[in-house]
Amino acid sequence: MLELKNKVFEGKNKEELLNKALNELNASQDEVYYNVEETVSGGLFKSKKYTLNIILKEDVVEYAKNYLKNVLDLMGINAELEVQKRDNYIKINMFSDNNAILIGKNGRTMSSMQQLLRQTIKNKLNIKINIILDVEEYKIKQQKNIERLAVKLAKDVIRTNIEVKMDSMNSYERRLVHSRLADFDGVKTESTGEEPNRCVVIKPVEK
């Protein structure tokens, strides 16, 4: 398994500490992930000390790809990985002949793999990195389907003046509905119920 190790720097000035780390890594700030922890020493004259954890984004990407390849091998699945690096997240799209297995019911297998990868990296680096896993743009397709359904149901609510309760959804899916219908004239949305059966209710608004 490919090793993943951050570099640690300590000092009394955050800016100087970051510049020193970037110089040593020969990298710019947008090429790294880092966090800074502050500690205050006791005594009569208190002083601050900073600890900086830093790693190249490319090293994180390579580790994530290697991690997923090992997981996929254990599952007996051969998949191609497509990586997109953004300022605030890394997205890895998986392409295989076993998409249904990788996605799982309602995307649960894919979500579990994503959570494990995120937690493994956080434990190793002490840096929280947003890694998004997808399977052939499943999440984007699901998002569009949810938004289309929300609009269709909203139109039904306006036409009939009767509220509609949607099927149970996770928090991300509910946010999609609320966001899509936020400026939709004639309806309002509310979340109701207890997890994991919490759902969105689309209600008519009196004119």
C-alpha atoms as a PDB file:
ATOM      1  CA  MET A   1       0.000   0.000   0.000  1.00  0.00           C
ATOM      2  CA  LEU A   2       1.307   3.437  -0.959  1.00  0.00           C
ATOM      3  CA  GLU A   3       2.387   5.456   2.091  1.00  0.00           C
ATOM      4  CA  LEU A   4       0.782   8.785   2.870  1.00  0.00           C
ATOM      5  CA  LYS A   5       2.772  11.110   5.075  1.00  0.00           C
ATOM      6  CA  ASN A   6       2.477  14.797   5.740  1.00  0.00           C
ATOM      7  CA  LYS A   7       5.300  17.138   6.696  1.00  0.00           C
ATOM      8  CA  VAL A   8       5.124  18.926  10.034  1.00  0.00           C
ATOM      9  CA  PHE A   9       6.590  22.373  10.724  1.00  0.00           C
ATOM     10  CA  GLU A  10       6.613  24.314  13.985  1.00  0.00           C
ATOM     11  CA  GLY A  11       7.191  27.997  14.628  1.00  0.00           C
ATOM     12  CA  LYS A  12       5.911  31.202  16.192  1.00  0.00           C
ATOM     13  CA  ASN A  13       4.690  32.941  13.037  1.00  0.00           C
ATOM     14  CA  LYS A  14       2.012  31.373  10.842  1.00  0.00           C
ATOM     15  CA  GLU A  15       2.900  33.200   7.636  1.00  0.00           C
ATOM     16  CA  GLU A  16       6.620  32.475   7.941  1.00  0.00           C
ATOM     17  CA  LEU A  17       5.820  28.855   8.767  1.00  0.00           C
ATOM     18  CA  LEU A  18       3.676  28.413   5.656  1.00  0.00           C
ATOM     19  CA  ASN A  19       6.254  30.121   3.432  1.00  0.00           C
ATOM     20  CA  LYS A  20       8.998  27.887   4.809  1.00  0.00           C
ATOM     21  CA  ALA A  21       6.900  24.779   4.158  1.00  0.00           C
ATOM     22  CA  LEU A  22       6.031  25.848   0.609  1.00  0.00           C
ATOM     23  CA  ASN A  23       9.668  26.616  -0.158  1.00  0.00           C
ATOM     24  CA  GLU A  24      10.778  23.224   1.125  1.00  0.00           C
ATOM     25  CA  LEU A  25       8.096  21.459  -0.937  1.00  0.00           C
ATOM     26  CA  ASN A  26       8.818  23.729  -3.913  1.00  0.00           C
ATOM     27  CA  ALA A  27       5.076  24.276  -4.280  1.00  0.00           C
ATOM     28  CA  SER A  28       2.502  27.058  -4.400  1.00  0.00           C
ATOM     29  CA  GLN A  29      -0.340  27.329  -1.896  1.00  0.00           C
ATOM     30  CA  ASP A  30      -2.919  25.974  -4.359  1.00  0.00           C
ATOM     31  CA  GLU A  31      -0.831  22.808  -4.809  1.00  0.00           C
ATOM     32  CA  VAL A  32      -1.040  21.719  -1.166  1.00  0.00           C
ATOM     33  CA  TYR A  33      -3.429  20.831   1.633  1.00  0.00           C
ATOM     34  CA  TYR A  34      -2.539  22.072   5.090  1.00  0.00           C
ATOM     35  CA  ASN A  35      -3.864  23.041   8.476  1.00  0.00           C
ATOM     36  CA  VAL A  36      -2.396  25.046  11.323  1.00  0.00           C
ATOM     37  CA  GLU A  37      -2.856  24.279  15.018  1.00  0.00           C
ATOM     38  CA  GLU A  38      -2.217  26.870  17.683  1.00  0.00           C
ATOM     39  CA  THR A  39      -0.948  26.098  21.190  1.00  0.00           C
ATOM     40  CA  VAL A  40      -0.388  28.565  24.019  1.00  0.00           C
ATOM     41  CA  SER A  41       2.327  27.897  26.574  1.00  0.00           C
ATOM     42  CA  GLY A  42       1.570  28.598  30.219  1.00  0.00           C
ATOM     43  CA  GLY A  43       3.465  30.653  32.726  1.00  0.00           C
ATOM     44  CA  LEU A  44       3.709  34.351  33.416  1.00  0.00           C
ATOM     45  CA  PHE A  45       4.609  35.274  29.855  1.00  0.00           C
ATOM     46  CA  LYS A  46       2.318  33.292  27.609  1.00  0.00           C
ATOM     47  CA  SER A  47       3.483  32.646  24.059  1.00  0.00           C
ATOM     48  CA  LYS A  48       1.877  31.090  21.006  1.00  0.00           C
ATOM     49  CA  LYS A  49       3.348  28.271  18.956  1.00  0.00           C
ATOM     50  CA  TYR A  50       1.989  26.993  15.652  1.00  0.00           C
ATOM     51  CA  THR A  51       2.149  23.491  14.208  1.00  0.00           C
ATOM     52  CA  LEU A  52       1.575  23.194  10.463  1.00  0.00           C
ATOM     53  CA  ASN A  53       0.632  19.914   8.775  1.00  0.00           C
ATOM     54  CA  ILE A  54       1.083  20.039   5.011  1.00  0.00           C
ATOM     55  CA  ILE A  55       1.067  17.687   2.015  1.00  0.00           C
ATOM     56  CA  LEU A  56       1.074  17.994  -1.761  1.00  0.00           C
ATOM     57  CA  LYS A  57      -2.357  17.546  -3.361  1.00  0.00           C
ATOM     58  CA  GLU A  58      -0.799  15.217  -5.915  1.00  0.00           C
ATOM     59  CA  ASP A  59       0.376  12.874  -3.132  1.00  0.00           C
ATOM     60  CA  VAL A  60      -3.176  12.719  -1.760  1.00  0.00           C
ATOM     61  CA  VAL A  61      -4.563  11.959  -5.219  1.00  0.00           C
ATOM     62  CA  GLU A  62      -2.071   9.134  -5.783  1.00  0.00           C
ATOM     63  CA  TYR A  63      -2.827   7.648  -2.362  1.00  0.00           C
ATOM     64  CA  ALA A  64      -6.592   7.850  -2.950  1.00  0.00           C
ATOM     65  CA  LYS A  65      -6.279   6.137  -6.337  1.00  0.00           C
ATOM     66  CA  ASN A  66      -4.069   3.412  -4.851  1.00  0.00           C
ATOM     67  CA  TYR A  67      -6.462   2.933  -1.912  1.00  0.00           C
ATOM     68  CA  LEU A  68      -9.447   2.549  -4.233  1.00  0.00           C
ATOM     69  CA  LYS A  69      -7.578   0.158  -6.541  1.00  0.00           C
ATOM     70  CA  ASN A  70      -6.894  -2.110  -3.547  1.00  0.00           C
ATOM     71  CA  VAL A  71     -10.541  -1.971  -2.425  1.00  0.00           C
ATOM     72  CA  LEU A  72     -11.742  -2.703  -5.962  1.00  0.00           C
ATOM     73  CA  ASP A  73      -9.329  -5.638  -6.255  1.00  0.00           C
ATOM     74  CA  LEU A  74     -10.781  -7.104  -3.051  1.00  0.00           C
ATOM     75  CA  MET A  75     -14.255  -6.697  -4.559  1.00  0.00           C
ATOM     76  CA  GLY A  76     -13.099  -8.390  -7.755  1.00  0.00           C
ATOM     77  CA  ILE A  77     -13.932  -5.328  -9.827  1.00  0.00           C
ATOM     78  CA  ASN A  78     -11.786  -3.774 -12.515  1.00  0.00           C
ATOM     79  CA  ALA A  79     -12.414  -0.035 -12.868  1.00  0.00           C
ATOM     80  CA  GLU A  80     -10.892   3.018 -14.468  1.00  0.00           C
ATOM     81  CA  LEU A  81     -10.492   6.092 -12.262  1.00  0.00           C
ATOM     82  CA  GLU A  82     -10.906   9.652 -13.499  1.00  0.00           C
ATOM     83  CA  VAL A  83      -9.691  12.387 -11.141  1.00  0.00           C
ATOM     84  CA  GLN A  84     -10.730  16.029 -11.039  1.00  0.00           C
ATOM     85  CA  LYS A  85      -8.821  18.331  -8.686  1.00  0.00           C
ATOM     86  CA  ARG A  86     -10.596  21.474  -7.526  1.00  0.00           C
ATOM     87  CA  ASP A  87      -9.690  24.133  -4.968  1.00  0.00           C
ATOM     88  CA  ASN A  88     -11.872  22.689  -2.211  1.00  0.00           C
ATOM     89  CA  TYR A  89     -12.351  19.045  -3.198  1.00  0.00           C
ATOM     90  CA  ILE A  90     -11.070  16.057  -5.146  1.00  0.00           C
ATOM     91  CA  LYS A  91     -13.580  14.129  -7.246  1.00  0.00           C
ATOM     92  CA  ILE A  92     -12.871  10.575  -8.365  1.00  0.00           C
ATOM     93  CA  ASN A  93     -15.217   9.084 -10.947  1.00  0.00           C
ATOM     94  CA  MET A  94     -15.149   5.288 -11.315  1.00  0.00           C
ATOM     95  CA  PHE A  95     -15.956   3.499 -14.591  1.00  0.00           C
ATOM     96  CA  SER A  96     -16.511  -0.261 -14.642  1.00  0.00           C
ATOM     97  CA  ASP A  97     -18.697  -3.096 -15.937  1.00  0.00           C
ATOM     98  CA  ASN A  98     -20.079  -3.541 -12.401  1.00  0.00           C
ATOM     99  CA  ASN A  99     -21.576  -0.131 -11.717  1.00  0.00           C
ATOM    100  CA  ALA A 100     -24.605  -1.537  -9.893  1.00  0.00           C
ATOM    101  CA  ILE A 101     -22.317  -3.248  -7.345  1.00  0.00           C
ATOM    102  CA  LEU A 102     -20.148  -0.157  -6.893  1.00  0.00           C
ATOM    103  CA  ILE A 103     -23.147   2.118  -6.420  1.00  0.00           C
ATOM    104  CA  GLY A 104     -25.167  -0.192  -4.179  1.00  0.00           C
ATOM    105  CA  LYS A 105     -28.765   0.349  -3.134  1.00  0.00           C
ATOM    106  CA  ASN A 106     -29.495   4.086  -3.194  1.00  0.00           C
ATOM    107  CA  GLY A 107     -25.760   4.743  -3.549  1.00  0.00           C
ATOM    108  CA  ARG A 108     -24.891   3.234  -0.153  1.00  0.00           C
ATOM    109  CA  THR A 109     -21.844   1.206  -1.251  1.00  0.00           C
ATOM    110  CA  MET A 110     -20.357   4.215  -3.006  1.00  0.00           C
ATOM    111  CA  SER A 111     -21.074   6.446   0.020  1.00  0.00           C
ATOM    112  CA  SER A 112     -19.462   3.925   2.392  1.00  0.00           C
ATOM    113  CA  MET A 113     -16.320   3.780   0.245  1.00  0.00           C
ATOM    114  CA  GLN A 114     -16.215   7.588   0.184  1.00  0.00           C
ATOM    115  CA  GLN A 115     -16.556   7.833   3.974  1.00  0.00           C
ATOM    116  CA  LEU A 116     -13.848   5.220   4.591  1.00  0.00           C
ATOM    117  CA  LEU A 117     -11.429   6.946   2.227  1.00  0.00           C
ATOM    118  CA  ARG A 118     -12.044  10.365   3.782  1.00  0.00           C
ATOM    119  CA  GLN A 119     -11.616   9.044   7.320  1.00  0.00           C
ATOM    120  CA  THR A 120      -8.466   7.067   6.467  1.00  0.00           C
ATOM    121  CA  ILE A 121      -6.819  10.161   4.980  1.00  0.00           C
ATOM    122  CA  LYS A 122      -7.905  12.371   7.887  1.00  0.00           C
ATOM    123  CA  ASN A 123      -6.478   9.878  10.407  1.00  0.00           C
ATOM    124  CA  LYS A 124      -3.158   9.734   8.570  1.00  0.00           C
ATOM    125  CA  LEU A 125      -2.719  13.457   7.931  1.00  0.00           C
ATOM    126  CA  ASN A 126      -4.716  15.252  10.611  1.00  0.00           C
ATOM    127  CA  ILE A 127      -6.069  17.264   7.669  1.00  0.00           C
ATOM    128  CA  LYS A 128      -9.708  17.131   6.589  1.00  0.00           C
ATOM    129  CA  ILE A 129      -9.911  16.727   2.808  1.00  0.00           C
ATOM    130  CA  ASN A 130     -13.170  16.652   0.888  1.00  0.00           C
ATOM    131  CA  ILE A 131     -13.020  13.653  -1.461  1.00  0.00           C
ATOM    132  CA  ILE A 132     -16.078  12.877  -3.582  1.00  0.00           C
ATOM    133  CA  LEU A 133     -16.561   9.457  -5.143  1.00  0.00           C
ATOM    134  CA  ASP A 134     -18.903   8.895  -8.069  1.00  0.00           C
ATOM    135  CA  VAL A 135     -19.652   6.099 -10.512  1.00  0.00           C
ATOM    136  CA  GLU A 136     -20.084   7.294 -14.101  1.00  0.00           C
ATOM    137  CA  GLU A 137     -21.673  10.560 -12.882  1.00  0.00           C
ATOM    138  CA  TYR A 138     -24.352   8.665 -10.913  1.00  0.00           C
ATOM    139  CA  LYS A 139     -24.660  11.511  -8.405  1.00  0.00           C
ATOM    140  CA  ILE A 140     -25.169  14.133 -11.102  1.00  0.00           C
ATOM    141  CA  LYS A 141     -27.825  11.996 -12.792  1.00  0.00           C
ATOM    142  CA  GLN A 142     -29.554  11.404  -9.448  1.00  0.00           C
ATOM    143  CA  GLN A 143     -29.445  15.115  -8.675  1.00  0.00           C
ATOM    144  CA  LYS A 144     -31.123  15.957 -11.973  1.00  0.00           C
ATOM    145  CA  ASN A 145     -33.748  13.243 -11.452  1.00  0.00           C
ATOM    146  CA  ILE A 146     -34.564  14.528  -7.964  1.00  0.00           C
ATOM    147  CA  GLU A 147     -34.811  18.119  -9.168  1.00  0.00           C
ATOM    148  CA  ARG A 148     -37.035  17.116 -12.112  1.00  0.00           C
ATOM    149  CA  LEU A 149     -39.329  15.162  -9.788  1.00  0.00           C
ATOM    150  CA  ALA A 150     -39.488  18.067  -7.342  1.00  0.00           C
ATOM    151  CA  VAL A 151     -40.567  20.462 -10.114  1.00  0.00           C
ATOM    152  CA  LYS A 152     -43.180  18.000 -11.430  1.00  0.00           C
ATOM    153  CA  LEU A 153     -44.658  17.510  -7.954  1.00  0.00           C
ATOM    154  CA  ALA A 154     -44.600  21.256  -7.270  1.00  0.00           C
ATOM    155  CA  LYS A 155     -46.652  21.834 -10.414  1.00  0.00           C
ATOM    156  CA  ASP A 156     -49.118  19.147  -9.257  1.00  0.00           C
ATOM    157  CA  VAL A 157     -49.413  20.869  -5.873  1.00  0.00           C
ATOM    158  CA  ILE A 158     -50.145  24.223  -7.537  1.00  0.00           C
ATOM    159  CA  ARG A 159     -52.725  22.635  -9.848  1.00  0.00           C
ATOM    160  CA  THR A 160     -54.553  20.643  -7.147  1.00  0.00           C
ATOM    161  CA  ASN A 161     -53.837  22.835  -4.112  1.00  0.00           C
ATOM    162  CA  ILE A 162     -53.016  19.624  -2.202  1.00  0.00           C
ATOM    163  CA  GLU A 163     -49.688  19.078  -0.440  1.00  0.00           C
ATOM    164  CA  VAL A 164     -47.438  16.167  -1.471  1.00  0.00           C
ATOM    165  CA  LYS A 165     -45.108  14.149   0.729  1.00  0.00           C
ATOM    166  CA  MET A 166     -42.065  12.848  -1.137  1.00  0.00           C
ATOM    167  CA  ASP A 167     -40.327   9.536  -0.406  1.00  0.00           C
ATOM    168  CA  SER A 168     -37.712   9.358   2.351  1.00  0.00           C
ATOM    169  CA  MET A 169     -34.424  11.039   1.430  1.00  0.00           C
ATOM    170  CA  ASN A 170     -31.047  11.645   2.989  1.00  0.00           C
ATOM    171  CA  SER A 171     -30.045  15.161   4.029  1.00  0.00           C
ATOM    172  CA  TYR A 172     -28.201  15.889   0.768  1.00  0.00           C
ATOM    173  CA  GLU A 173     -31.208  14.918  -1.353  1.00  0.00           C
ATOM    174  CA  ARG A 174     -33.572  16.949   0.799  1.00  0.00           C
ATOM    175  CA  ARG A 175     -31.341  19.994   0.398  1.00  0.00           C
ATOM    176  CA  LEU A 176     -31.545  19.553  -3.378  1.00  0.00           C
ATOM    177  CA  VAL A 177     -35.347  19.719  -3.238  1.00  0.00           C
ATOM    178  CA  HIS A 178     -35.414  22.711  -0.879  1.00  0.00           C
ATOM    179  CA  SER A 179     -32.889  24.559  -3.032  1.00  0.00           C
ATOM    180  CA  ARG A 180     -34.617  23.788  -6.327  1.00  0.00           C
ATOM    181  CA  LEU A 181     -38.030  24.928  -5.074  1.00  0.00           C
ATOM    182  CA  ALA A 182     -36.831  27.874  -2.972  1.00  0.00           C
ATOM    183  CA  ASP A 183     -37.856  30.390  -5.655  1.00  0.00           C
ATOM    184  CA  PHE A 184     -40.687  28.344  -7.124  1.00  0.00           C
ATOM    185  CA  ASP A 185     -43.808  30.508  -6.936  1.00  0.00           C
ATOM    186  CA  GLY A 186     -46.846  28.931  -5.327  1.00  0.00           C
ATOM    187  CA  VAL A 187     -45.214  26.311  -3.100  1.00  0.00           C
ATOM    188  CA  LYS A 188     -43.097  25.978   0.014  1.00  0.00           C
ATOM    189  CA  THR A 189     -41.133  22.990   1.307  1.00  0.00           C
ATOM    190  CA  GLU A 190     -40.649  21.492   4.761  1.00  0.00           C
ATOM    191  CA  SER A 191     -38.713  18.489   6.037  1.00  0.00           C
ATOM    192  CA  THR A 192     -40.617  16.178   8.332  1.00  0.00           C
ATOM    193  CA  GLY A 193     -40.155  12.870  10.157  1.00  0.00           C
ATOM    194  CA  GLU A 194     -37.196  11.208  11.858  1.00  0.00           C
ATOM    195  CA  GLU A 195     -34.052   9.792  10.275  1.00  0.00           C
ATOM    196  CA  PRO A 196     -33.738   7.563   8.306  1.00  0.00           C
ATOM    197  CA  ASN A 197     -37.337   8.162   7.212  1.00  0.00           C
ATOM    198  CA  ARG A 198     -37.177  11.959   7.042  1.00  0.00           C
ATOM    199  CA  CYS A 199     -38.775  13.390   3.897  1.00  0.00           C
ATOM    200  CA  VAL A 200     -39.788  16.624   2.173  1.00  0.00           C
ATOM    201  CA  VAL A 201     -43.370  17.882   2.052  1.00  0.00           C
ATOM    202  CA  ILE A 202     -44.281  20.265  -0.766  1.00  0.00           C
ATOM    203  CA  LYS A 203     -47.130  22.551   0.309  1.00  0.00           C
ATOM    204  CA  PRO A 204     -49.268  25.050  -1.580  1.00  0.00           C
ATOM    205  CA  VAL A 205     -48.892  28.715  -0.675  1.00  0.00           C
ATOM    206  CA  GLU A 206     -52.062  30.755  -0.436  1.00  0.00           C
ATOM    207  CA  LYS A 207     -52.092  33.639  -2.881  1.00  0.00           C
END
